[in-house]
Amino acid sequence: MSDAALVDALDELATLLRACNQIDHAKWTEERRALAAAATGDQLTEVKKEVRGVLAGMGSLSDLYLVPEPGSGLDEAEARRRQFELVDRLDELTAS
């Protein structure tokens, strides 16, 4: 069985990244979301490992400076809050 919470968090992250014109990062996230939705066992473990590898450190998700596009309904403070909320959630979801 896939990890629905991980799939949901990756979906939210991709939406946030697209709203901030981080298209390459959004595409990568969407690819991992699709893999996580279909994966089980060792495949799911590998997806979690990949996601966990981009959460922190130089050039990581937490290192991105997100600036929402006009019309996205987000301001910079809200985008930053969501970014770190998702990093924390993904950290927990990929720990096991």
PDB file of N, CA and C in Angstrom:
ATOM      1  N   MET A   1       0.844  -1.192   0.000  1.00  0.00           N
ATOM      2  CA  MET A   1       0.000   0.000   0.000  1.00  0.00           C
ATOM      3  C   MET A   1       0.878   1.241   0.000  1.00  0.00           C
ATOM      4  N   SER A   2       0.520   2.215  -0.809  1.00  0.00           N
ATOM      5  CA  SER A   2       1.276   3.470  -0.862  1.00  0.00           C
ATOM      6  C   SER A   2       1.063   4.252   0.436  1.00  0.00           C
ATOM      7  N   ASP A   3       1.888   5.245   0.627  1.00  0.00           N
ATOM      8  CA  ASP A   3       1.816   6.095   1.814  1.00  0.00           C
ATOM      9  C   ASP A   3       1.018   7.351   1.454  1.00  0.00           C
ATOM     10  N   ALA A   4      -0.270   7.354   1.781  1.00  0.00           N
ATOM     11  CA  ALA A   4      -1.163   8.451   1.391  1.00  0.00           C
ATOM     12  C   ALA A   4      -0.721   9.791   1.974  1.00  0.00           C
ATOM     13  N   ALA A   5      -0.217   9.808   3.193  1.00  0.00           N
ATOM     14  CA  ALA A   5       0.213  11.064   3.813  1.00  0.00           C
ATOM     15  C   ALA A   5       1.415  11.648   3.063  1.00  0.00           C
ATOM     16  N   LEU A   6       2.321  10.782   2.625  1.00  0.00           N
ATOM     17  CA  LEU A   6       3.477  11.239   1.855  1.00  0.00           C
ATOM     18  C   LEU A   6       3.025  11.790   0.507  1.00  0.00           C
ATOM     19  N   VAL A   7       2.131  11.094  -0.147  1.00  0.00           N
ATOM     20  CA  VAL A   7       1.597  11.535  -1.441  1.00  0.00           C
ATOM     21  C   VAL A   7       0.930  12.904  -1.289  1.00  0.00           C
ATOM     22  N   ASP A   8       0.132  13.072  -0.250  1.00  0.00           N
ATOM     23  CA  ASP A   8      -0.553  14.355  -0.005  1.00  0.00           C
ATOM     24  C   ASP A   8       0.446  15.487   0.238  1.00  0.00           C
ATOM     25  N   ALA A   9       1.467  15.212   1.052  1.00  0.00           N
ATOM     26  CA  ALA A   9       2.464  16.249   1.352  1.00  0.00           C
ATOM     27  C   ALA A   9       3.239  16.639   0.099  1.00  0.00           C
ATOM     28  N   LEU A  10       3.585  15.671  -0.732  1.00  0.00           N
ATOM     29  CA  LEU A  10       4.291  15.971  -1.976  1.00  0.00           C
ATOM     30  C   LEU A  10       3.402  16.756  -2.934  1.00  0.00           C
ATOM     31  N   ASP A  11       2.125  16.453  -2.939  1.00  0.00           N
ATOM     32  CA  ASP A  11       1.178  17.193  -3.771  1.00  0.00           C
ATOM     33  C   ASP A  11       1.104  18.654  -3.321  1.00  0.00           C
ATOM     34  N   GLU A  12       1.013  18.874  -2.020  1.00  0.00           N
ATOM     35  CA  GLU A  12       0.979  20.242  -1.484  1.00  0.00           C
ATOM     36  C   GLU A  12       2.268  20.991  -1.810  1.00  0.00           C
ATOM     37  N   LEU A  13       3.388  20.287  -1.701  1.00  0.00           N
ATOM     38  CA  LEU A  13       4.676  20.905  -1.995  1.00  0.00           C
ATOM     39  C   LEU A  13       4.769  21.302  -3.464  1.00  0.00           C
ATOM     40  N   ALA A  14       4.357  20.415  -4.348  1.00  0.00           N
ATOM     41  CA  ALA A  14       4.401  20.729  -5.785  1.00  0.00           C
ATOM     42  C   ALA A  14       3.539  21.952  -6.098  1.00  0.00           C
ATOM     43  N   THR A  15       2.381  22.033  -5.490  1.00  0.00           N
ATOM     44  CA  THR A  15       1.491  23.180  -5.688  1.00  0.00           C
ATOM     45  C   THR A  15       2.159  24.465  -5.211  1.00  0.00           C
ATOM     46  N   LEU A  16       2.782  24.420  -4.047  1.00  0.00           N
ATOM     47  CA  LEU A  16       3.489  25.591  -3.514  1.00  0.00           C
ATOM     48  C   LEU A  16       4.639  25.985  -4.429  1.00  0.00           C
ATOM     49  N   LEU A  17       5.406  25.025  -4.877  1.00  0.00           N
ATOM     50  CA  LEU A  17       6.543  25.325  -5.743  1.00  0.00           C
ATOM     51  C   LEU A  17       6.090  25.936  -7.068  1.00  0.00           C
ATOM     52  N   ARG A  18       5.014  25.428  -7.632  1.00  0.00           N
ATOM     53  CA  ARG A  18       4.480  25.999  -8.877  1.00  0.00           C
ATOM     54  C   ARG A  18       3.995  27.431  -8.644  1.00  0.00           C
ATOM     55  N   ALA A  19       3.355  27.676  -7.493  1.00  0.00           N
ATOM     56  CA  ALA A  19       2.867  29.023  -7.168  1.00  0.00           C
ATOM     57  C   ALA A  19       4.015  30.011  -7.028  1.00  0.00           C
ATOM     58  N   CYS A  20       5.210  29.493  -6.777  1.00  0.00           N
ATOM     59  CA  CYS A  20       6.389  30.350  -6.609  1.00  0.00           C
ATOM     60  C   CYS A  20       7.337  30.247  -7.809  1.00  0.00           C
ATOM     61  N   ASN A  21       6.822  29.729  -8.930  1.00  0.00           N
ATOM     62  CA  ASN A  21       7.567  29.621 -10.184  1.00  0.00           C
ATOM     63  C   ASN A  21       8.856  28.807 -10.055  1.00  0.00           C
ATOM     64  N   GLN A  22       8.836  27.825  -9.179  1.00  0.00           N
ATOM     65  CA  GLN A  22       9.958  26.895  -9.034  1.00  0.00           C
ATOM     66  C   GLN A  22       9.613  25.632  -9.832  1.00  0.00           C
ATOM     67  N   ILE A  23       9.536  25.785 -11.155  1.00  0.00           N
ATOM     68  CA  ILE A  23       8.987  24.753 -12.027  1.00  0.00           C
ATOM     69  C   ILE A  23       9.820  23.466 -12.005  1.00  0.00           C
ATOM     70  N   ASP A  24      11.134  23.568 -12.090  1.00  0.00           N
ATOM     71  CA  ASP A  24      11.966  22.362 -12.078  1.00  0.00           C
ATOM     72  C   ASP A  24      11.798  21.580 -10.777  1.00  0.00           C
ATOM     73  N   HIS A  25      11.770  22.299  -9.666  1.00  0.00           N
ATOM     74  CA  HIS A  25      11.578  21.635  -8.369  1.00  0.00           C
ATOM     75  C   HIS A  25      10.178  21.033  -8.285  1.00  0.00           C
ATOM     76  N   ALA A  26       9.200  21.734  -8.824  1.00  0.00           N
ATOM     77  CA  ALA A  26       7.823  21.221  -8.817  1.00  0.00           C
ATOM     78  C   ALA A  26       7.725  19.937  -9.634  1.00  0.00           C
ATOM     79  N   LYS A  27       8.363  19.916 -10.813  1.00  0.00           N
ATOM     80  CA  LYS A  27       8.328  18.710 -11.654  1.00  0.00           C
ATOM     81  C   LYS A  27       8.975  17.530 -10.941  1.00  0.00           C
ATOM     82  N   TRP A  28      10.114  17.755 -10.309  1.00  0.00           N
ATOM     83  CA  TRP A  28      10.789  16.690  -9.559  1.00  0.00           C
ATOM     84  C   TRP A  28       9.865  16.163  -8.457  1.00  0.00           C
ATOM     85  N   THR A  29       9.229  17.075  -7.756  1.00  0.00           N
ATOM     86  CA  THR A  29       8.321  16.702  -6.669  1.00  0.00           C
ATOM     87  C   THR A  29       7.130  15.918  -7.207  1.00  0.00           C
ATOM     88  N   GLU A  30       6.588  16.346  -8.333  1.00  0.00           N
ATOM     89  CA  GLU A  30       5.455  15.638  -8.940  1.00  0.00           C
ATOM     90  C   GLU A  30       5.846  14.233  -9.385  1.00  0.00           C
ATOM     91  N   GLU A  31       7.069  14.090  -9.882  1.00  0.00           N
ATOM     92  CA  GLU A  31       7.554  12.756 -10.255  1.00  0.00           C
ATOM     93  C   GLU A  31       7.645  11.844  -9.026  1.00  0.00           C
ATOM     94  N   ARG A  32       8.161  12.386  -7.921  1.00  0.00           N
ATOM     95  CA  ARG A  32       8.270  11.583  -6.689  1.00  0.00           C
ATOM     96  C   ARG A  32       6.890  11.278  -6.123  1.00  0.00           C
ATOM     97  N   ARG A  33       5.964  12.232  -6.292  1.00  0.00           N
ATOM     98  CA  ARG A  33       4.591  12.008  -5.835  1.00  0.00           C
ATOM     99  C   ARG A  33       3.984  10.831  -6.597  1.00  0.00           C
ATOM    100  N   ALA A  34       4.143  10.809  -7.914  1.00  0.00           N
ATOM    101  CA  ALA A  34       3.607   9.719  -8.730  1.00  0.00           C
ATOM    102  C   ALA A  34       4.248   8.390  -8.349  1.00  0.00           C
ATOM    103  N   LEU A  35       5.557   8.404  -8.121  1.00  0.00           N
ATOM    104  CA  LEU A  35       6.239   7.179  -7.696  1.00  0.00           C
ATOM    105  C   LEU A  35       5.727   6.706  -6.343  1.00  0.00           C
ATOM    106  N   ALA A  36       5.571   7.639  -5.408  1.00  0.00           N
ATOM    107  CA  ALA A  36       5.094   7.286  -4.065  1.00  0.00           C
ATOM    108  C   ALA A  36       3.668   6.740  -4.105  1.00  0.00           C
ATOM    109  N   ALA A  37       2.858   7.269  -5.008  1.00  0.00           N
ATOM    110  CA  ALA A  37       1.464   6.824  -5.117  1.00  0.00           C
ATOM    111  C   ALA A  37       1.374   5.386  -5.610  1.00  0.00           C
ATOM    112  N   ALA A  38       2.340   4.960  -6.418  1.00  0.00           N
ATOM    113  CA  ALA A  38       2.311   3.616  -6.994  1.00  0.00           C
ATOM    114  C   ALA A  38       3.232   2.635  -6.282  1.00  0.00           C
ATOM    115  N   ALA A  39       4.121   3.134  -5.443  1.00  0.00           N
ATOM    116  CA  ALA A  39       5.168   2.306  -4.850  1.00  0.00           C
ATOM    117  C   ALA A  39       4.698   1.562  -3.601  1.00  0.00           C
ATOM    118  N   THR A  40       5.345   0.447  -3.369  1.00  0.00           N
ATOM    119  CA  THR A  40       5.166  -0.320  -2.140  1.00  0.00           C
ATOM    120  C   THR A  40       6.530  -0.857  -1.714  1.00  0.00           C
ATOM    121  N   GLY A  41       6.628  -1.261  -0.482  1.00  0.00           N
ATOM    122  CA  GLY A  41       7.833  -1.922   0.012  1.00  0.00           C
ATOM    123  C   GLY A  41       9.111  -1.168  -0.249  1.00  0.00           C
ATOM    124  N   ASP A  42      10.075  -1.862  -0.881  1.00  0.00           N
ATOM    125  CA  ASP A  42      11.389  -1.282  -1.132  1.00  0.00           C
ATOM    126  C   ASP A  42      11.327  -0.072  -2.058  1.00  0.00           C
ATOM    127  N   GLN A  43      10.395  -0.076  -3.002  1.00  0.00           N
ATOM    128  CA  GLN A  43      10.253   1.071  -3.912  1.00  0.00           C
ATOM    129  C   GLN A  43       9.857   2.314  -3.132  1.00  0.00           C
ATOM    130  N   LEU A  44       8.915   2.157  -2.209  1.00  0.00           N
ATOM    131  CA  LEU A  44       8.471   3.283  -1.390  1.00  0.00           C
ATOM    132  C   LEU A  44       9.606   3.767  -0.492  1.00  0.00           C
ATOM    133  N   THR A  45      10.374   2.840   0.042  1.00  0.00           N
ATOM    134  CA  THR A  45      11.525   3.196   0.872  1.00  0.00           C
ATOM    135  C   THR A  45      12.519   4.031   0.080  1.00  0.00           C
ATOM    136  N   GLU A  46      12.729   3.675  -1.185  1.00  0.00           N
ATOM    137  CA  GLU A  46      13.657   4.418  -2.042  1.00  0.00           C
ATOM    138  C   GLU A  46      13.136   5.827  -2.325  1.00  0.00           C
ATOM    139  N   VAL A  47      11.841   5.966  -2.575  1.00  0.00           N
ATOM    140  CA  VAL A  47      11.254   7.287  -2.801  1.00  0.00           C
ATOM    141  C   VAL A  47      11.425   8.144  -1.547  1.00  0.00           C
ATOM    142  N   LYS A  48      11.154   7.574  -0.387  1.00  0.00           N
ATOM    143  CA  LYS A  48      11.317   8.317   0.871  1.00  0.00           C
ATOM    144  C   LYS A  48      12.757   8.767   1.046  1.00  0.00           C
ATOM    145  N   LYS A  49      13.704   7.904   0.696  1.00  0.00           N
ATOM    146  CA  LYS A  49      15.123   8.245   0.817  1.00  0.00           C
ATOM    147  C   LYS A  49      15.468   9.419  -0.102  1.00  0.00           C
ATOM    148  N   GLU A  50      14.959   9.392  -1.334  1.00  0.00           N
ATOM    149  CA  GLU A  50      15.206  10.488  -2.274  1.00  0.00           C
ATOM    150  C   GLU A  50      14.638  11.803  -1.748  1.00  0.00           C
ATOM    151  N   VAL A  51      13.405  11.761  -1.270  1.00  0.00           N
ATOM    152  CA  VAL A  51      12.759  12.970  -0.754  1.00  0.00           C
ATOM    153  C   VAL A  51      13.511  13.483   0.459  1.00  0.00           C
ATOM    154  N   ARG A  52      13.873  12.596   1.345  1.00  0.00           N
ATOM    155  CA  ARG A  52      14.598  12.989   2.556  1.00  0.00           C
ATOM    156  C   ARG A  52      15.924  13.673   2.200  1.00  0.00           C
ATOM    157  N   GLY A  53      16.528  13.242   1.106  1.00  0.00           N
ATOM    158  CA  GLY A  53      17.810  13.791   0.681  1.00  0.00           C
ATOM    159  C   GLY A  53      17.762  15.233   0.197  1.00  0.00           C
ATOM    160  N   VAL A  54      16.583  15.752  -0.084  1.00  0.00           N
ATOM    161  CA  VAL A  54      16.481  17.133  -0.577  1.00  0.00           C
ATOM    162  C   VAL A  54      15.873  18.088   0.455  1.00  0.00           C
ATOM    163  N   LEU A  55      15.651  17.620   1.665  1.00  0.00           N
ATOM    164  CA  LEU A  55      14.972  18.446   2.664  1.00  0.00           C
ATOM    165  C   LEU A  55      15.861  19.507   3.294  1.00  0.00           C
ATOM    166  N   ALA A  56      17.123  19.179   3.569  1.00  0.00           N
ATOM    167  CA  ALA A  56      17.981  20.105   4.303  1.00  0.00           C
ATOM    168  C   ALA A  56      19.365  20.161   3.667  1.00  0.00           C
ATOM    169  N   GLY A  57      20.073  21.254   3.948  1.00  0.00           N
ATOM    170  CA  GLY A  57      21.418  21.429   3.441  1.00  0.00           C
ATOM    171  C   GLY A  57      21.460  22.430   2.301  1.00  0.00           C
ATOM    172  N   MET A  58      22.655  22.706   1.844  1.00  0.00           N
ATOM    173  CA  MET A  58      22.852  23.686   0.784  1.00  0.00           C
ATOM    174  C   MET A  58      22.153  23.232  -0.500  1.00  0.00           C
ATOM    175  N   GLY A  59      21.355  24.123  -1.081  1.00  0.00           N
ATOM    176  CA  GLY A  59      20.637  23.812  -2.307  1.00  0.00           C
ATOM    177  C   GLY A  59      19.398  22.961  -2.107  1.00  0.00           C
ATOM    178  N   SER A  60      19.002  22.761  -0.880  1.00  0.00           N
ATOM    179  CA  SER A  60      17.873  21.897  -0.558  1.00  0.00           C
ATOM    180  C   SER A  60      16.547  22.661  -0.578  1.00  0.00           C
ATOM    181  N   LEU A  61      15.494  21.937  -0.314  1.00  0.00           N
ATOM    182  CA  LEU A  61      14.165  22.541  -0.240  1.00  0.00           C
ATOM    183  C   LEU A  61      14.105  23.631   0.826  1.00  0.00           C
ATOM    184  N   SER A  62      14.709  23.396   1.970  1.00  0.00           N
ATOM    185  CA  SER A  62      14.666  24.409   3.027  1.00  0.00           C
ATOM    186  C   SER A  62      15.535  25.617   2.693  1.00  0.00           C
ATOM    187  N   ASP A  63      16.411  25.483   1.704  1.00  0.00           N
ATOM    188  CA  ASP A  63      17.307  26.556   1.299  1.00  0.00           C
ATOM    189  C   ASP A  63      16.698  27.445   0.201  1.00  0.00           C
ATOM    190  N   LEU A  64      15.596  27.003  -0.408  1.00  0.00           N
ATOM    191  CA  LEU A  64      14.958  27.774  -1.477  1.00  0.00           C
ATOM    192  C   LEU A  64      14.338  29.058  -0.921  1.00  0.00           C
ATOM    193  N   TYR A  65      14.479  30.128  -1.681  1.00  0.00           N
ATOM    194  CA  TYR A  65      13.811  31.378  -1.325  1.00  0.00           C
ATOM    195  C   TYR A  65      12.585  31.489  -2.223  1.00  0.00           C
ATOM    196  N   LEU A  66      11.416  31.275  -1.654  1.00  0.00           N
ATOM    197  CA  LEU A  66      10.187  31.249  -2.425  1.00  0.00           C
ATOM    198  C   LEU A  66       9.540  32.631  -2.501  1.00  0.00           C
ATOM    199  N   VAL A  67       9.248  33.048  -3.721  1.00  0.00           N
ATOM    200  CA  VAL A  67       8.553  34.296  -3.974  1.00  0.00           C
ATOM    201  C   VAL A  67       7.316  33.948  -4.796  1.00  0.00           C
ATOM    202  N   PRO A  68       6.148  34.035  -4.182  1.00  0.00           N
ATOM    203  CA  PRO A  68       4.924  33.669  -4.902  1.00  0.00           C
ATOM    204  C   PRO A  68       4.662  34.552  -6.112  1.00  0.00           C
ATOM    205  N   GLU A  69       4.133  33.937  -7.147  1.00  0.00           N
ATOM    206  CA  GLU A  69       3.743  34.663  -8.348  1.00  0.00           C
ATOM    207  C   GLU A  69       2.510  35.512  -8.045  1.00  0.00           C
ATOM    208  N   PRO A  70       2.377  36.676  -8.685  1.00  0.00           N
ATOM    209  CA  PRO A  70       1.158  37.471  -8.524  1.00  0.00           C
ATOM    210  C   PRO A  70      -0.060  36.618  -8.911  1.00  0.00           C
ATOM    211  N   GLY A  71      -1.098  36.734  -8.147  1.00  0.00           N
ATOM    212  CA  GLY A  71      -2.312  35.969  -8.426  1.00  0.00           C
ATOM    213  C   GLY A  71      -2.324  34.589  -7.790  1.00  0.00           C
ATOM    214  N   SER A  72      -1.244  34.221  -7.089  1.00  0.00           N
ATOM    215  CA  SER A  72      -1.179  32.898  -6.462  1.00  0.00           C
ATOM    216  C   SER A  72      -2.002  32.840  -5.169  1.00  0.00           C
ATOM    217  N   GLY A  73      -2.328  34.013  -4.636  1.00  0.00           N
ATOM    218  CA  GLY A  73      -3.056  34.046  -3.376  1.00  0.00           C
ATOM    219  C   GLY A  73      -2.156  33.922  -2.162  1.00  0.00           C
ATOM    220  N   LEU A  74      -0.856  33.899  -2.390  1.00  0.00           N
ATOM    221  CA  LEU A  74       0.114  33.781  -1.294  1.00  0.00           C
ATOM    222  C   LEU A  74       0.973  35.029  -1.223  1.00  0.00           C
ATOM    223  N   ASP A  75       1.408  35.366  -0.018  1.00  0.00           N
ATOM    224  CA  ASP A  75       2.453  36.368   0.118  1.00  0.00           C
ATOM    225  C   ASP A  75       3.725  35.629   0.543  1.00  0.00           C
ATOM    226  N   GLU A  76       4.840  36.333   0.597  1.00  0.00           N
ATOM    227  CA  GLU A  76       6.116  35.675   0.904  1.00  0.00           C
ATOM    228  C   GLU A  76       6.106  35.013   2.280  1.00  0.00           C
ATOM    229  N   ALA A  77       5.499  35.656   3.262  1.00  0.00           N
ATOM    230  CA  ALA A  77       5.472  35.091   4.612  1.00  0.00           C
ATOM    231  C   ALA A  77       4.690  33.777   4.644  1.00  0.00           C
ATOM    232  N   GLU A  78       3.557  33.732   3.954  1.00  0.00           N
ATOM    233  CA  GLU A  78       2.747  32.518   3.912  1.00  0.00           C
ATOM    234  C   GLU A  78       3.478  31.412   3.149  1.00  0.00           C
ATOM    235  N   ALA A  79       4.129  31.761   2.059  1.00  0.00           N
ATOM    236  CA  ALA A  79       4.883  30.768   1.294  1.00  0.00           C
ATOM    237  C   ALA A  79       6.001  30.176   2.156  1.00  0.00           C
ATOM    238  N   ARG A  80       6.687  31.028   2.880  1.00  0.00           N
ATOM    239  CA  ARG A  80       7.790  30.573   3.755  1.00  0.00           C
ATOM    240  C   ARG A  80       7.253  29.674   4.872  1.00  0.00           C
ATOM    241  N   ARG A  81       6.116  30.070   5.457  1.00  0.00           N
ATOM    242  CA  ARG A  81       5.518  29.263   6.521  1.00  0.00           C
ATOM    243  C   ARG A  81       5.157  27.879   5.994  1.00  0.00           C
ATOM    244  N   ARG A  82       4.508  27.836   4.833  1.00  0.00           N
ATOM    245  CA  ARG A  82       4.116  26.549   4.242  1.00  0.00           C
ATOM    246  C   ARG A  82       5.338  25.713   3.877  1.00  0.00           C
ATOM    247  N   GLN A  83       6.363  26.390   3.356  1.00  0.00           N
ATOM    248  CA  GLN A  83       7.589  25.692   2.988  1.00  0.00           C
ATOM    249  C   GLN A  83       8.157  24.932   4.187  1.00  0.00           C
ATOM    250  N   PHE A  84       8.300  25.613   5.311  1.00  0.00           N
ATOM    251  CA  PHE A  84       8.908  24.965   6.471  1.00  0.00           C
ATOM    252  C   PHE A  84       7.969  23.971   7.141  1.00  0.00           C
ATOM    253  N   GLU A  85       6.677  24.221   7.052  1.00  0.00           N
ATOM    254  CA  GLU A  85       5.709  23.256   7.549  1.00  0.00           C
ATOM    255  C   GLU A  85       5.817  21.944   6.749  1.00  0.00           C
ATOM    256  N   LEU A  86       5.927  22.068   5.445  1.00  0.00           N
ATOM    257  CA  LEU A  86       6.050  20.888   4.586  1.00  0.00           C
ATOM    258  C   LEU A  86       7.392  20.187   4.773  1.00  0.00           C
ATOM    259  N   VAL A  87       8.467  20.946   4.950  1.00  0.00           N
ATOM    260  CA  VAL A  87       9.766  20.331   5.230  1.00  0.00           C
ATOM    261  C   VAL A  87       9.683  19.511   6.513  1.00  0.00           C
ATOM    262  N   ASP A  88       9.086  20.069   7.551  1.00  0.00           N
ATOM    263  CA  ASP A  88       8.936  19.344   8.820  1.00  0.00           C
ATOM    264  C   ASP A  88       8.083  18.093   8.646  1.00  0.00           C
ATOM    265  N   ARG A  89       6.964  18.236   7.930  1.00  0.00           N
ATOM    266  CA  ARG A  89       6.072  17.092   7.728  1.00  0.00           C
ATOM    267  C   ARG A  89       6.765  15.998   6.910  1.00  0.00           C
ATOM    268  N   LEU A  90       7.448  16.394   5.848  1.00  0.00           N
ATOM    269  CA  LEU A  90       8.154  15.411   5.025  1.00  0.00           C
ATOM    270  C   LEU A  90       9.302  14.756   5.790  1.00  0.00           C
ATOM    271  N   ASP A  91       9.938  15.507   6.680  1.00  0.00           N
ATOM    272  CA  ASP A  91      10.984  14.935   7.521  1.00  0.00           C
ATOM    273  C   ASP A  91      10.406  13.794   8.370  1.00  0.00           C
ATOM    274  N   GLU A  92       9.257  14.042   8.964  1.00  0.00           N
ATOM    275  CA  GLU A  92       8.604  13.002   9.775  1.00  0.00           C
ATOM    276  C   GLU A  92       8.152  11.817   8.927  1.00  0.00           C
ATOM    277  N   LEU A  93       7.577  12.095   7.763  1.00  0.00           N
ATOM    278  CA  LEU A  93       7.038  11.040   6.905  1.00  0.00           C
ATOM    279  C   LEU A  93       8.107  10.169   6.253  1.00  0.00           C
ATOM    280  N   THR A  94       9.311  10.712   6.111  1.00  0.00           N
ATOM    281  CA  THR A  94      10.366   9.951   5.461  1.00  0.00           C
ATOM    282  C   THR A  94      11.369   9.349   6.451  1.00  0.00           C
ATOM    283  N   ALA A  95      11.122   9.565   7.737  1.00  0.00           N
ATOM    284  CA  ALA A  95      12.041   9.068   8.757  1.00  0.00           C
ATOM    285  C   ALA A  95      12.025   7.545   8.880  1.00  0.00           C
ATOM    286  N   SER A  96      10.923   6.925   8.512  1.00  0.00           N
ATOM    287  CA  SER A  96      10.833   5.464   8.670  1.00  0.00           C
ATOM    288  C   SER A  96      10.960   4.739   7.359  1.00  0.00           C
TER     289      SER A  96
END
